[in-house]
C-alpha atoms as a PDB file:
ATOM      1  CA  MET A   1     187.396  -7.864 -14.026  1.00  0.00           C
ATOM      2  CA  LEU A   2     183.860  -8.367 -12.696  1.00  0.00           C
ATOM      3  CA  MET A   3     183.263  -9.169  -9.059  1.00  0.00           C
ATOM      4  CA  ASP A   4     180.549 -11.512  -7.895  1.00  0.00           C
ATOM      5  CA  THR A   5     178.106  -9.434  -5.881  1.00  0.00           C
ATOM      6  CA  ARG A   6     175.897 -12.271  -4.685  1.00  0.00           C
ATOM      7  CA  THR A   7     175.347 -12.616  -0.979  1.00  0.00           C
ATOM      8  CA  LEU A   8     175.641 -15.789   1.031  1.00  0.00           C
ATOM      9  CA  GLN A   9     171.838 -15.971   1.131  1.00  0.00           C
ATOM     10  CA  ASP A  10     171.697 -15.792  -2.684  1.00  0.00           C
ATOM     11  CA  VAL A  11     174.162 -18.632  -2.996  1.00  0.00           C
ATOM     12  CA  ALA A  12     172.267 -20.706  -0.405  1.00  0.00           C
ATOM     13  CA  SER A  13     169.010 -20.057  -2.241  1.00  0.00           C
ATOM     14  CA  ASP A  14     170.546 -21.090  -5.571  1.00  0.00           C
ATOM     15  CA  LEU A  15     171.943 -24.239  -3.969  1.00  0.00           C
ATOM     16  CA  LYS A  16     168.550 -25.183  -2.510  1.00  0.00           C
ATOM     17  CA  ALA A  17     166.888 -24.654  -5.886  1.00  0.00           C
ATOM     18  CA  HIS A  18     169.550 -26.811  -7.523  1.00  0.00           C
ATOM     19  CA  GLU A  19     169.027 -29.549  -4.923  1.00  0.00           C
ATOM     20  CA  ARG A  20     165.258 -29.498  -5.553  1.00  0.00           C
ATOM     21  CA  GLU A  21     165.793 -29.836  -9.291  1.00  0.00           C
ATOM     22  CA  CYS A  22     168.243 -32.688  -8.759  1.00  0.00           C
ATOM     23  CA  ALA A  23     165.728 -34.485  -6.516  1.00  0.00           C
ATOM     24  CA  VAL A  24     163.054 -34.205  -9.215  1.00  0.00           C
ATOM     25  CA  TYR A  25     165.492 -35.451 -11.851  1.00  0.00           C
ATOM     26  CA  ARG A  26     166.574 -38.323  -9.590  1.00  0.00           C
ATOM     27  CA  ASP A  27     162.925 -39.378  -9.058  1.00  0.00           C
ATOM     28  CA  MET A  28     162.199 -39.242 -12.790  1.00  0.00           C
ATOM     29  CA  THR A  29     165.303 -41.306 -13.515  1.00  0.00           C
ATOM     30  CA  LYS A  30     164.325 -43.896 -10.900  1.00  0.00           C
ATOM     31  CA  GLN A  31     160.844 -44.215 -12.407  1.00  0.00           C
ATOM     32  CA  SER A  32     162.320 -44.691 -15.880  1.00  0.00           C
ATOM     33  CA  LEU A  33     164.725 -47.339 -14.615  1.00  0.00           C
ATOM     34  CA  ASP A  34     161.918 -49.166 -12.794  1.00  0.00           C
ATOM     35  CA  LYS A  35     159.860 -49.290 -15.997  1.00  0.00           C
ATOM     36  CA  LEU A  36     162.868 -50.462 -17.967  1.00  0.00           C
ATOM     37  CA  GLU A  37     163.612 -53.148 -15.380  1.00  0.00           C
ATOM     38  CA  SER A  38     160.103 -54.582 -15.645  1.00  0.00           C
ATOM     39  CA  ARG A  39     160.382 -54.675 -19.441  1.00  0.00           C
ATOM     40  CA  ILE A  40     163.743 -56.450 -19.225  1.00  0.00           C
ATOM     41  CA  ILE A  41     162.311 -59.042 -16.828  1.00  0.00           C
ATOM     42  CA  ARG A  42     159.433 -59.670 -19.226  1.00  0.00           C
ATOM     43  CA  LEU A  43     161.883 -60.117 -22.124  1.00  0.00           C
ATOM     44  CA  GLU A  44     163.982 -62.535 -20.071  1.00  0.00           C
ATOM     45  CA  LYS A  45     160.891 -64.645 -19.368  1.00  0.00           C
ATOM     46  CA  MET A  46     159.964 -64.675 -23.054  1.00  0.00           C
ATOM     47  CA  ILE A  47     163.484 -65.717 -24.060  1.00  0.00           C
ATOM     48  CA  MET A  48     163.582 -68.495 -21.450  1.00  0.00           C
ATOM     49  CA  GLY A  49     160.166 -69.739 -22.542  1.00  0.00           C
ATOM     50  CA  SER A  50     161.082 -69.807 -26.210  1.00  0.00           C
ATOM     51  CA  THR A  51     164.392 -71.534 -25.446  1.00  0.00           C
ATOM     52  CA  ILE A  52     162.604 -74.240 -23.461  1.00  0.00           C
ATOM     53  CA  SER A  53     160.117 -74.676 -26.329  1.00  0.00           C
ATOM     54  CA  VAL A  54     162.854 -75.047 -28.939  1.00  0.00           C
ATOM     55  CA  VAL A  55     164.815 -77.523 -26.820  1.00  0.00           C
ATOM     56  CA  SER A  56     161.648 -79.534 -26.138  1.00  0.00           C
ATOM     57  CA  ILE A  57     160.817 -79.694 -29.837  1.00  0.00           C
ATOM     58  CA  LEU A  58     164.357 -80.804 -30.673  1.00  0.00           C
ATOM     59  CA  ILE A  59     164.242 -83.557 -28.053  1.00  0.00           C
ATOM     60  CA  ALA A  60     160.850 -84.721 -29.322  1.00  0.00           C
ATOM     61  CA  LEU A  61     162.170 -84.817 -32.902  1.00  0.00           C
ATOM     62  CA  MET A  62     165.235 -86.789 -31.825  1.00  0.00           C
ATOM     63  CA  PHE A  63     163.042 -89.430 -30.180  1.00  0.00           C
ATOM     64  CA  LYS A  64     160.867 -89.726 -33.290  1.00  0.00           C
ATOM     65  CA  VAL A  65     163.894 -90.136 -35.550  1.00  0.00           C
ATOM     66  CA  MET A  66     165.412 -92.854 -33.359  1.00  0.00           C
END
């Protein structure tokens, strides 16, 4: 059976390094989500615009037929 020979300072150092890496990962993830959010908002606007256009055309056609 192997014993862990790391000191408390080694463990603290490893933990700090891990926390730094997690902070970098968290920032990268936030940036990716922000970009994705702006793309989703743009898509929502396009969908709403096209829906309004289609409904407007259908209403105009209904008035011409009547």
